[in-house]
Amino acid sequence: MRVIAGEMGGRRLKAVPGKNTRPTTDKIKESMFNRIGPYFNGGIGLDFYAGSGALGIEALSRGIEKIYAFENNRKAQATIQDNVETLRLTDRYELLRGDNRRGLKQLLEGNADLRFDLVLLDPPYEGQKLLEILEEFQELDCLADDAIILCELGKEDDLPQTIGHLEGWQDVTMGITRLVTYRYRG
């Protein structure tokens, strides 16, 4: 596993030990970022299911200014910490431990003006609640105008073309993975 492009392109990343996480392959990661960027001119990102931290780190490498990342698995948290420290990103990558939905509300309570320009949603394939989460982001008013929301899901899973002010922008299937991208038109 590695950073694909940008200022840290080619750098190796550690994977989370065990079988409790499903890392995004380099091929899928490259495809997803090439579709939505491929580079960014600053902005704030949210990695809602961080795993190894690879997607958030890729976003930072490609120009996102700061990433807030949620992860509740302790092995994954340790892996993220390792990856972030190795790449010297501790000032740009904020790891938030615990339940992501409750944690996001707490984060926003302390930062009322915080808006995300890029949201990465790569939950475990089983038991996804992406529609509910996408609706909740809008209720929390945490998306910047024209924000990009990238959802990675199983190829059999479904999401509507429009969800409130989120407009479906791209939808592609690669093997067992489906990538659905929305733009926020708030």
N, C-alpha and C. Protein backbone atom coordinates (compact mmCIF):
# COMPACT_ATOMS: atom_id res chain seq x y z
N MET A 1 0.85 -1.16 0.00
CA MET A 1 0.00 0.00 0.00
C MET A 1 0.91 1.23 0.00
N ARG A 2 0.52 2.23 -0.82
CA ARG A 2 1.37 3.40 -0.96
C ARG A 2 0.53 4.64 -1.25
N VAL A 3 1.17 5.79 -1.13
CA VAL A 3 0.57 7.05 -1.58
C VAL A 3 0.77 7.08 -3.09
N ILE A 4 -0.28 7.35 -3.83
CA ILE A 4 -0.24 7.25 -5.29
C ILE A 4 0.41 8.47 -5.94
N ALA A 5 0.00 9.68 -5.55
CA ALA A 5 0.47 10.88 -6.25
C ALA A 5 0.60 12.05 -5.29
N GLY A 6 1.14 13.14 -5.82
CA GLY A 6 1.27 14.35 -5.03
C GLY A 6 2.60 14.43 -4.31
N GLU A 7 2.68 15.29 -3.30
CA GLU A 7 3.94 15.57 -2.63
C GLU A 7 4.53 14.35 -1.92
N MET A 8 3.72 13.38 -1.58
CA MET A 8 4.21 12.16 -0.92
C MET A 8 4.08 10.93 -1.81
N GLY A 9 3.84 11.14 -3.09
CA GLY A 9 3.64 10.04 -4.03
C GLY A 9 4.76 9.01 -3.96
N GLY A 10 4.40 7.74 -3.93
CA GLY A 10 5.37 6.65 -3.89
C GLY A 10 5.74 6.20 -2.49
N ARG A 11 5.43 6.99 -1.47
CA ARG A 11 5.76 6.60 -0.09
C ARG A 11 4.89 5.44 0.35
N ARG A 12 5.50 4.50 1.04
CA ARG A 12 4.80 3.30 1.53
C ARG A 12 3.99 3.62 2.78
N LEU A 13 2.86 2.94 2.89
CA LEU A 13 2.00 3.04 4.07
C LEU A 13 1.83 1.67 4.70
N LYS A 14 1.71 1.66 6.01
CA LYS A 14 1.43 0.40 6.71
C LYS A 14 -0.05 0.09 6.61
N ALA A 15 -0.37 -1.20 6.53
CA ALA A 15 -1.75 -1.66 6.54
C ALA A 15 -2.12 -2.05 7.97
N VAL A 16 -3.40 -2.03 8.28
CA VAL A 16 -3.87 -2.45 9.59
C VAL A 16 -3.71 -3.96 9.70
N PRO A 17 -3.06 -4.46 10.76
CA PRO A 17 -2.91 -5.91 10.90
C PRO A 17 -4.27 -6.58 11.16
N GLY A 18 -4.39 -7.82 10.71
CA GLY A 18 -5.63 -8.57 10.92
C GLY A 18 -6.57 -8.45 9.74
N LYS A 19 -7.78 -8.94 9.93
CA LYS A 19 -8.76 -8.98 8.84
C LYS A 19 -10.01 -8.16 9.13
N ASN A 20 -9.93 -7.25 10.10
CA ASN A 20 -11.11 -6.46 10.46
C ASN A 20 -11.31 -5.23 9.57
N THR A 21 -10.30 -4.87 8.79
CA THR A 21 -10.44 -3.74 7.88
C THR A 21 -10.26 -4.22 6.44
N ARG A 22 -10.82 -3.47 5.52
CA ARG A 22 -10.73 -3.80 4.10
C ARG A 22 -10.07 -2.61 3.41
N PRO A 23 -8.74 -2.69 3.23
CA PRO A 23 -8.07 -1.53 2.64
C PRO A 23 -8.46 -1.31 1.18
N THR A 24 -8.56 -0.06 0.81
CA THR A 24 -8.81 0.30 -0.58
C THR A 24 -7.55 0.00 -1.38
N THR A 25 -7.70 -0.74 -2.47
CA THR A 25 -6.52 -1.09 -3.27
C THR A 25 -5.94 0.17 -3.92
N ASP A 26 -4.66 0.11 -4.26
CA ASP A 26 -4.01 1.25 -4.92
C ASP A 26 -4.72 1.59 -6.22
N LYS A 27 -5.17 0.58 -6.95
CA LYS A 27 -5.85 0.81 -8.24
C LYS A 27 -7.15 1.59 -8.03
N ILE A 28 -7.95 1.19 -7.04
CA ILE A 28 -9.21 1.89 -6.75
C ILE A 28 -8.91 3.31 -6.25
N LYS A 29 -7.93 3.43 -5.37
CA LYS A 29 -7.57 4.74 -4.81
C LYS A 29 -7.14 5.70 -5.93
N GLU A 30 -6.31 5.21 -6.83
CA GLU A 30 -5.87 6.05 -7.95
C GLU A 30 -7.06 6.47 -8.80
N SER A 31 -7.94 5.54 -9.10
CA SER A 31 -9.12 5.84 -9.91
C SER A 31 -10.02 6.87 -9.22
N MET A 32 -10.26 6.68 -7.93
CA MET A 32 -11.17 7.60 -7.23
C MET A 32 -10.61 9.02 -7.20
N PHE A 33 -9.33 9.17 -6.93
CA PHE A 33 -8.77 10.53 -6.86
C PHE A 33 -8.62 11.15 -8.25
N ASN A 34 -8.33 10.35 -9.26
CA ASN A 34 -8.27 10.90 -10.62
C ASN A 34 -9.63 11.40 -11.07
N ARG A 35 -10.70 10.80 -10.56
CA ARG A 35 -12.05 11.21 -10.93
C ARG A 35 -12.48 12.51 -10.25
N ILE A 36 -12.00 12.74 -9.04
CA ILE A 36 -12.49 13.91 -8.29
C ILE A 36 -11.50 15.06 -8.25
N GLY A 37 -10.31 14.93 -8.71
CA GLY A 37 -9.31 15.98 -8.62
C GLY A 37 -8.65 16.21 -9.97
N PRO A 38 -7.53 15.64 -10.09
CA PRO A 38 -6.86 14.73 -9.16
C PRO A 38 -6.12 15.47 -8.05
N TYR A 39 -6.02 16.81 -8.14
CA TYR A 39 -5.32 17.57 -7.12
C TYR A 39 -6.25 18.63 -6.55
N PHE A 40 -5.93 19.12 -5.35
CA PHE A 40 -6.76 20.09 -4.67
C PHE A 40 -5.93 21.32 -4.32
N ASN A 41 -6.61 22.44 -4.24
CA ASN A 41 -5.96 23.69 -3.88
C ASN A 41 -6.43 24.07 -2.48
N GLY A 42 -5.94 23.32 -1.48
CA GLY A 42 -6.34 23.56 -0.10
C GLY A 42 -7.68 22.91 0.21
N GLY A 43 -8.30 23.37 1.26
CA GLY A 43 -9.59 22.83 1.69
C GLY A 43 -9.44 21.88 2.87
N ILE A 44 -10.57 21.59 3.47
CA ILE A 44 -10.64 20.73 4.65
C ILE A 44 -11.33 19.43 4.27
N GLY A 45 -10.75 18.31 4.69
CA GLY A 45 -11.31 17.00 4.38
C GLY A 45 -11.76 16.26 5.62
N LEU A 46 -12.67 15.32 5.41
CA LEU A 46 -13.18 14.44 6.46
C LEU A 46 -13.10 13.01 5.95
N ASP A 47 -12.37 12.16 6.68
CA ASP A 47 -12.32 10.72 6.38
C ASP A 47 -13.12 10.06 7.48
N PHE A 48 -14.34 9.63 7.16
CA PHE A 48 -15.30 9.21 8.17
C PHE A 48 -15.08 7.79 8.67
N TYR A 49 -14.38 6.97 7.91
CA TYR A 49 -14.02 5.60 8.30
C TYR A 49 -12.56 5.41 7.90
N ALA A 50 -11.63 5.87 8.71
CA ALA A 50 -10.25 6.06 8.28
C ALA A 50 -9.46 4.78 8.02
N GLY A 51 -9.72 3.69 8.72
CA GLY A 51 -8.94 2.46 8.49
C GLY A 51 -7.46 2.68 8.74
N SER A 52 -6.65 2.57 7.71
CA SER A 52 -5.19 2.79 7.83
C SER A 52 -4.82 4.27 7.69
N GLY A 53 -5.79 5.09 7.30
CA GLY A 53 -5.53 6.51 7.06
C GLY A 53 -5.13 6.81 5.63
N ALA A 54 -5.08 5.78 4.78
CA ALA A 54 -4.55 5.93 3.42
C ALA A 54 -5.32 6.94 2.56
N LEU A 55 -6.65 6.96 2.65
CA LEU A 55 -7.41 7.89 1.81
C LEU A 55 -7.19 9.34 2.25
N GLY A 56 -7.21 9.59 3.54
CA GLY A 56 -6.95 10.93 4.04
C GLY A 56 -5.54 11.40 3.72
N ILE A 57 -4.58 10.50 3.85
CA ILE A 57 -3.19 10.83 3.53
C ILE A 57 -3.04 11.12 2.04
N GLU A 58 -3.73 10.35 1.20
CA GLU A 58 -3.71 10.62 -0.25
C GLU A 58 -4.26 12.01 -0.53
N ALA A 59 -5.35 12.38 0.14
CA ALA A 59 -5.94 13.71 -0.06
C ALA A 59 -4.95 14.81 0.35
N LEU A 60 -4.26 14.61 1.47
CA LEU A 60 -3.25 15.58 1.90
C LEU A 60 -2.12 15.68 0.89
N SER A 61 -1.68 14.55 0.39
CA SER A 61 -0.60 14.52 -0.60
C SER A 61 -0.98 15.27 -1.87
N ARG A 62 -2.28 15.28 -2.17
CA ARG A 62 -2.77 15.92 -3.39
C ARG A 62 -3.27 17.35 -3.16
N GLY A 63 -3.02 17.91 -1.98
CA GLY A 63 -3.29 19.33 -1.79
C GLY A 63 -4.34 19.73 -0.77
N ILE A 64 -5.09 18.78 -0.22
CA ILE A 64 -6.01 19.15 0.85
C ILE A 64 -5.18 19.68 2.02
N GLU A 65 -5.64 20.72 2.65
CA GLU A 65 -4.88 21.40 3.71
C GLU A 65 -4.88 20.62 5.03
N LYS A 66 -6.05 20.09 5.41
CA LYS A 66 -6.18 19.38 6.69
C LYS A 66 -7.23 18.29 6.57
N ILE A 67 -6.98 17.19 7.28
CA ILE A 67 -7.93 16.07 7.33
C ILE A 67 -8.33 15.81 8.78
N TYR A 68 -9.63 15.68 8.99
CA TYR A 68 -10.17 15.15 10.24
C TYR A 68 -10.58 13.72 9.93
N ALA A 69 -10.10 12.78 10.73
CA ALA A 69 -10.34 11.36 10.43
C ALA A 69 -10.87 10.65 11.66
N PHE A 70 -11.94 9.88 11.46
CA PHE A 70 -12.53 9.10 12.55
C PHE A 70 -12.18 7.63 12.38
N GLU A 71 -11.82 7.01 13.50
CA GLU A 71 -11.57 5.55 13.52
C GLU A 71 -11.79 5.06 14.94
N ASN A 72 -12.52 3.94 15.08
CA ASN A 72 -12.76 3.42 16.43
C ASN A 72 -12.01 2.13 16.73
N ASN A 73 -11.37 1.51 15.73
CA ASN A 73 -10.60 0.28 15.94
C ASN A 73 -9.20 0.64 16.43
N ARG A 74 -8.79 0.06 17.56
CA ARG A 74 -7.51 0.45 18.18
C ARG A 74 -6.30 0.08 17.31
N LYS A 75 -6.35 -1.08 16.65
CA LYS A 75 -5.23 -1.45 15.77
C LYS A 75 -5.14 -0.46 14.61
N ALA A 76 -6.29 -0.09 14.08
CA ALA A 76 -6.30 0.89 12.99
C ALA A 76 -5.78 2.25 13.47
N GLN A 77 -6.17 2.65 14.67
CA GLN A 77 -5.70 3.92 15.22
C GLN A 77 -4.17 3.94 15.33
N ALA A 78 -3.61 2.82 15.81
CA ALA A 78 -2.14 2.73 15.94
C ALA A 78 -1.47 2.79 14.57
N THR A 79 -2.08 2.14 13.57
CA THR A 79 -1.54 2.16 12.21
C THR A 79 -1.58 3.58 11.64
N ILE A 80 -2.70 4.25 11.83
CA ILE A 80 -2.82 5.64 11.36
C ILE A 80 -1.74 6.50 12.01
N GLN A 81 -1.60 6.37 13.31
CA GLN A 81 -0.61 7.17 14.03
C GLN A 81 0.79 6.94 13.46
N ASP A 82 1.12 5.67 13.20
CA ASP A 82 2.41 5.32 12.58
C ASP A 82 2.57 5.99 11.22
N ASN A 83 1.56 5.83 10.37
CA ASN A 83 1.63 6.40 9.01
C ASN A 83 1.76 7.92 9.04
N VAL A 84 0.98 8.56 9.89
CA VAL A 84 0.99 10.02 9.98
C VAL A 84 2.34 10.53 10.50
N GLU A 85 2.88 9.85 11.51
CA GLU A 85 4.17 10.27 12.05
C GLU A 85 5.30 10.02 11.06
N THR A 86 5.27 8.87 10.38
CA THR A 86 6.31 8.56 9.39
C THR A 86 6.35 9.61 8.29
N LEU A 87 5.18 10.07 7.86
CA LEU A 87 5.10 11.06 6.78
C LEU A 87 5.14 12.50 7.29
N ARG A 88 5.29 12.66 8.59
CA ARG A 88 5.37 13.99 9.23
C ARG A 88 4.14 14.86 8.92
N LEU A 89 2.98 14.26 9.16
CA LEU A 89 1.72 14.95 8.88
C LEU A 89 0.93 15.27 10.15
N THR A 90 1.55 15.18 11.30
CA THR A 90 0.81 15.33 12.55
C THR A 90 0.11 16.69 12.69
N ASP A 91 0.61 17.71 12.02
CA ASP A 91 -0.03 19.02 12.10
C ASP A 91 -1.19 19.17 11.11
N ARG A 92 -1.33 18.24 10.17
CA ARG A 92 -2.37 18.34 9.13
C ARG A 92 -3.40 17.21 9.20
N TYR A 93 -3.12 16.19 9.99
CA TYR A 93 -4.00 15.02 10.08
C TYR A 93 -4.45 14.88 11.53
N GLU A 94 -5.73 15.09 11.77
CA GLU A 94 -6.26 14.98 13.13
C GLU A 94 -7.07 13.70 13.26
N LEU A 95 -6.55 12.76 14.04
CA LEU A 95 -7.22 11.48 14.28
C LEU A 95 -8.17 11.64 15.46
N LEU A 96 -9.43 11.33 15.20
CA LEU A 96 -10.47 11.40 16.23
C LEU A 96 -10.92 9.98 16.53
N ARG A 97 -10.75 9.57 17.76
CA ARG A 97 -11.02 8.18 18.16
C ARG A 97 -12.47 8.04 18.63
N GLY A 98 -13.05 6.89 18.34
CA GLY A 98 -14.39 6.61 18.84
C GLY A 98 -15.43 6.66 17.74
N ASP A 99 -16.68 6.71 18.17
CA ASP A 99 -17.83 6.68 17.26
C ASP A 99 -17.84 7.92 16.37
N ASN A 100 -17.86 7.70 15.07
CA ASN A 100 -17.74 8.82 14.13
C ASN A 100 -18.95 9.76 14.15
N ARG A 101 -20.14 9.22 14.27
CA ARG A 101 -21.32 10.08 14.20
C ARG A 101 -21.44 10.97 15.45
N ARG A 102 -21.22 10.38 16.58
CA ARG A 102 -21.25 11.16 17.83
C ARG A 102 -20.06 12.14 17.85
N GLY A 103 -18.91 11.66 17.41
CA GLY A 103 -17.70 12.49 17.39
C GLY A 103 -17.82 13.68 16.46
N LEU A 104 -18.47 13.49 15.31
CA LEU A 104 -18.64 14.61 14.38
C LEU A 104 -19.49 15.71 15.02
N LYS A 105 -20.54 15.32 15.69
CA LYS A 105 -21.39 16.32 16.36
C LYS A 105 -20.58 17.10 17.40
N GLN A 106 -19.75 16.40 18.16
CA GLN A 106 -18.91 17.06 19.17
C GLN A 106 -17.89 17.99 18.50
N LEU A 107 -17.28 17.52 17.42
CA LEU A 107 -16.31 18.35 16.69
C LEU A 107 -16.96 19.64 16.21
N LEU A 108 -18.16 19.53 15.66
CA LEU A 108 -18.86 20.70 15.13
C LEU A 108 -19.33 21.64 16.23
N GLU A 109 -19.67 21.10 17.40
CA GLU A 109 -20.07 21.95 18.53
C GLU A 109 -18.93 22.89 18.92
N GLY A 110 -17.71 22.40 18.85
CA GLY A 110 -16.55 23.21 19.21
C GLY A 110 -16.00 24.04 18.06
N ASN A 111 -16.49 23.80 16.84
CA ASN A 111 -16.00 24.49 15.64
C ASN A 111 -17.20 24.81 14.74
N ALA A 112 -18.03 25.74 15.16
CA ALA A 112 -19.29 26.00 14.47
C ALA A 112 -19.11 26.40 13.00
N ASP A 113 -17.97 26.97 12.64
CA ASP A 113 -17.75 27.42 11.26
C ASP A 113 -17.09 26.36 10.38
N LEU A 114 -16.81 25.19 10.94
CA LEU A 114 -16.10 24.15 10.19
C LEU A 114 -16.99 23.60 9.07
N ARG A 115 -16.46 23.62 7.84
CA ARG A 115 -17.14 23.06 6.68
C ARG A 115 -16.14 22.21 5.92
N PHE A 116 -16.60 21.06 5.44
CA PHE A 116 -15.72 20.13 4.73
C PHE A 116 -15.86 20.30 3.23
N ASP A 117 -14.72 20.37 2.55
CA ASP A 117 -14.68 20.48 1.09
C ASP A 117 -14.62 19.11 0.44
N LEU A 118 -14.12 18.12 1.17
CA LEU A 118 -13.99 16.76 0.67
C LEU A 118 -14.38 15.81 1.79
N VAL A 119 -15.29 14.87 1.50
CA VAL A 119 -15.69 13.86 2.47
C VAL A 119 -15.46 12.50 1.85
N LEU A 120 -14.73 11.65 2.58
CA LEU A 120 -14.42 10.29 2.14
C LEU A 120 -15.21 9.31 3.00
N LEU A 121 -16.06 8.52 2.36
CA LEU A 121 -16.89 7.55 3.07
C LEU A 121 -16.58 6.15 2.54
N ASP A 122 -15.82 5.41 3.31
CA ASP A 122 -15.44 4.04 2.93
C ASP A 122 -15.72 3.11 4.11
N PRO A 123 -17.02 2.89 4.41
CA PRO A 123 -17.37 2.06 5.57
C PRO A 123 -17.20 0.58 5.25
N PRO A 124 -17.23 -0.26 6.29
CA PRO A 124 -17.28 -1.70 6.02
C PRO A 124 -18.50 -1.98 5.14
N TYR A 125 -18.36 -2.90 4.20
CA TYR A 125 -19.47 -3.16 3.28
C TYR A 125 -20.73 -3.62 3.99
N GLU A 126 -20.59 -4.39 5.08
CA GLU A 126 -21.76 -4.90 5.78
C GLU A 126 -22.36 -3.80 6.65
N GLY A 127 -23.67 -3.70 6.60
CA GLY A 127 -24.37 -2.79 7.50
C GLY A 127 -24.15 -1.32 7.24
N GLN A 128 -23.90 -0.95 6.00
CA GLN A 128 -23.69 0.46 5.69
C GLN A 128 -24.97 1.25 5.94
N LYS A 129 -24.78 2.46 6.38
CA LYS A 129 -25.90 3.38 6.57
C LYS A 129 -25.59 4.67 5.84
N LEU A 130 -25.09 4.55 4.62
CA LEU A 130 -24.61 5.73 3.90
C LEU A 130 -25.70 6.76 3.64
N LEU A 131 -26.88 6.32 3.25
CA LEU A 131 -27.96 7.26 2.97
C LEU A 131 -28.27 8.08 4.22
N GLU A 132 -28.40 7.41 5.34
CA GLU A 132 -28.67 8.07 6.61
C GLU A 132 -27.55 9.06 6.96
N ILE A 133 -26.32 8.65 6.75
CA ILE A 133 -25.16 9.51 7.06
C ILE A 133 -25.12 10.73 6.14
N LEU A 134 -25.39 10.53 4.85
CA LEU A 134 -25.39 11.65 3.91
C LEU A 134 -26.48 12.66 4.25
N GLU A 135 -27.62 12.19 4.69
CA GLU A 135 -28.69 13.09 5.13
C GLU A 135 -28.27 13.84 6.39
N GLU A 136 -27.61 13.13 7.29
CA GLU A 136 -27.16 13.74 8.55
C GLU A 136 -26.12 14.84 8.30
N PHE A 137 -25.20 14.65 7.36
CA PHE A 137 -24.22 15.70 7.04
C PHE A 137 -24.93 16.99 6.66
N GLN A 138 -26.00 16.88 5.89
CA GLN A 138 -26.73 18.07 5.47
C GLN A 138 -27.45 18.72 6.65
N GLU A 139 -28.04 17.90 7.52
CA GLU A 139 -28.70 18.44 8.71
C GLU A 139 -27.71 19.16 9.62
N LEU A 140 -26.49 18.65 9.70
CA LEU A 140 -25.46 19.26 10.55
C LEU A 140 -24.83 20.50 9.91
N ASP A 141 -25.15 20.76 8.65
CA ASP A 141 -24.63 21.92 7.93
C ASP A 141 -23.11 21.98 7.99
N CYS A 142 -22.47 20.84 7.65
CA CYS A 142 -21.00 20.77 7.75
C CYS A 142 -20.32 20.64 6.39
N LEU A 143 -21.07 20.84 5.31
CA LEU A 143 -20.50 20.73 3.97
C LEU A 143 -20.33 22.11 3.35
N ALA A 144 -19.15 22.35 2.80
CA ALA A 144 -18.90 23.60 2.08
C ALA A 144 -19.67 23.58 0.76
N ASP A 145 -19.97 24.75 0.23
CA ASP A 145 -20.59 24.81 -1.09
C ASP A 145 -19.68 24.12 -2.09
N ASP A 146 -20.25 23.28 -2.92
CA ASP A 146 -19.52 22.53 -3.95
C ASP A 146 -18.64 21.42 -3.37
N ALA A 147 -18.88 21.04 -2.12
CA ALA A 147 -18.11 19.94 -1.52
C ALA A 147 -18.26 18.67 -2.35
N ILE A 148 -17.21 17.86 -2.34
CA ILE A 148 -17.21 16.57 -3.01
C ILE A 148 -17.33 15.49 -1.94
N ILE A 149 -18.29 14.59 -2.13
CA ILE A 149 -18.49 13.47 -1.20
C ILE A 149 -18.28 12.20 -1.99
N LEU A 150 -17.29 11.43 -1.60
CA LEU A 150 -16.94 10.20 -2.31
C LEU A 150 -17.31 9.00 -1.45
N CYS A 151 -18.16 8.14 -1.98
CA CYS A 151 -18.63 6.95 -1.26
C CYS A 151 -18.09 5.70 -1.94
N GLU A 152 -17.46 4.83 -1.15
CA GLU A 152 -17.01 3.54 -1.65
C GLU A 152 -17.92 2.49 -1.04
N LEU A 153 -18.57 1.69 -1.88
CA LEU A 153 -19.50 0.69 -1.40
C LEU A 153 -19.40 -0.57 -2.23
N GLY A 154 -20.13 -1.59 -1.83
CA GLY A 154 -20.17 -2.83 -2.59
C GLY A 154 -20.93 -2.62 -3.89
N LYS A 155 -20.59 -3.39 -4.92
CA LYS A 155 -21.21 -3.15 -6.24
C LYS A 155 -22.71 -3.40 -6.25
N GLU A 156 -23.22 -4.19 -5.31
CA GLU A 156 -24.65 -4.47 -5.24
C GLU A 156 -25.41 -3.41 -4.44
N ASP A 157 -24.70 -2.57 -3.70
CA ASP A 157 -25.35 -1.57 -2.86
C ASP A 157 -25.84 -0.41 -3.72
N ASP A 158 -26.87 0.26 -3.21
CA ASP A 158 -27.51 1.29 -4.00
C ASP A 158 -27.60 2.60 -3.22
N LEU A 159 -27.44 3.69 -3.93
CA LEU A 159 -27.66 5.02 -3.40
C LEU A 159 -28.43 5.82 -4.45
N PRO A 160 -29.36 6.70 -4.02
CA PRO A 160 -30.11 7.49 -4.99
C PRO A 160 -29.23 8.53 -5.69
N GLN A 161 -29.68 8.97 -6.85
CA GLN A 161 -28.97 9.97 -7.64
C GLN A 161 -28.91 11.33 -6.91
N THR A 162 -29.98 11.66 -6.21
CA THR A 162 -30.06 12.93 -5.49
C THR A 162 -30.48 12.66 -4.05
N ILE A 163 -29.79 13.31 -3.11
CA ILE A 163 -30.13 13.20 -1.69
C ILE A 163 -30.14 14.62 -1.14
N GLY A 164 -31.31 15.20 -0.99
CA GLY A 164 -31.38 16.59 -0.54
C GLY A 164 -30.64 17.49 -1.51
N HIS A 165 -29.60 18.18 -1.02
CA HIS A 165 -28.80 19.08 -1.86
C HIS A 165 -27.57 18.38 -2.45
N LEU A 166 -27.49 17.07 -2.30
CA LEU A 166 -26.39 16.30 -2.89
C LEU A 166 -26.82 15.79 -4.25
N GLU A 167 -26.05 16.14 -5.27
CA GLU A 167 -26.34 15.70 -6.63
C GLU A 167 -25.32 14.66 -7.05
N GLY A 168 -25.82 13.51 -7.52
CA GLY A 168 -24.93 12.48 -8.03
C GLY A 168 -24.11 13.03 -9.19
N TRP A 169 -22.83 12.77 -9.15
CA TRP A 169 -21.92 13.34 -10.14
C TRP A 169 -21.29 12.23 -10.95
N GLN A 170 -20.80 11.19 -10.27
CA GLN A 170 -20.18 10.06 -10.95
C GLN A 170 -20.58 8.78 -10.24
N ASP A 171 -20.68 7.71 -11.01
CA ASP A 171 -21.02 6.39 -10.46
C ASP A 171 -20.32 5.36 -11.32
N VAL A 172 -19.36 4.65 -10.74
CA VAL A 172 -18.59 3.67 -11.51
C VAL A 172 -18.38 2.42 -10.67
N THR A 173 -18.40 1.27 -11.33
CA THR A 173 -18.15 -0.01 -10.66
C THR A 173 -16.83 -0.57 -11.14
N MET A 174 -16.01 -1.00 -10.18
CA MET A 174 -14.71 -1.61 -10.48
C MET A 174 -14.62 -2.92 -9.69
N GLY A 175 -14.82 -4.03 -10.36
CA GLY A 175 -14.80 -5.32 -9.66
C GLY A 175 -15.94 -5.39 -8.67
N ILE A 176 -15.62 -5.63 -7.38
CA ILE A 176 -16.66 -5.72 -6.35
C ILE A 176 -16.94 -4.37 -5.70
N THR A 177 -16.29 -3.31 -6.18
CA THR A 177 -16.39 -1.99 -5.57
C THR A 177 -17.15 -1.02 -6.46
N ARG A 178 -17.99 -0.23 -5.83
CA ARG A 178 -18.72 0.82 -6.53
C ARG A 178 -18.32 2.16 -5.91
N LEU A 179 -17.99 3.12 -6.75
CA LEU A 179 -17.64 4.47 -6.31
C LEU A 179 -18.74 5.42 -6.75
N VAL A 180 -19.36 6.08 -5.79
CA VAL A 180 -20.42 7.05 -6.07
C VAL A 180 -19.95 8.40 -5.53
N THR A 181 -19.97 9.40 -6.39
CA THR A 181 -19.51 10.73 -6.00
C THR A 181 -20.66 11.72 -6.09
N TYR A 182 -20.77 12.55 -5.06
CA TYR A 182 -21.79 13.60 -5.01
C TYR A 182 -21.12 14.96 -4.91
N ARG A 183 -21.85 15.97 -5.38
CA ARG A 183 -21.47 17.38 -5.15
C ARG A 183 -22.58 18.00 -4.31
N TYR A 184 -22.16 18.81 -3.35
CA TYR A 184 -23.12 19.49 -2.49
C TYR A 184 -23.47 20.84 -3.09
N ARG A 185 -24.76 21.05 -3.32
CA ARG A 185 -25.25 22.30 -3.89
C ARG A 185 -26.16 22.97 -2.87
N GLY A 186 -25.56 23.44 -1.79
CA GLY A 186 -26.35 23.96 -0.66
C GLY A 186 -26.77 25.38 -0.79
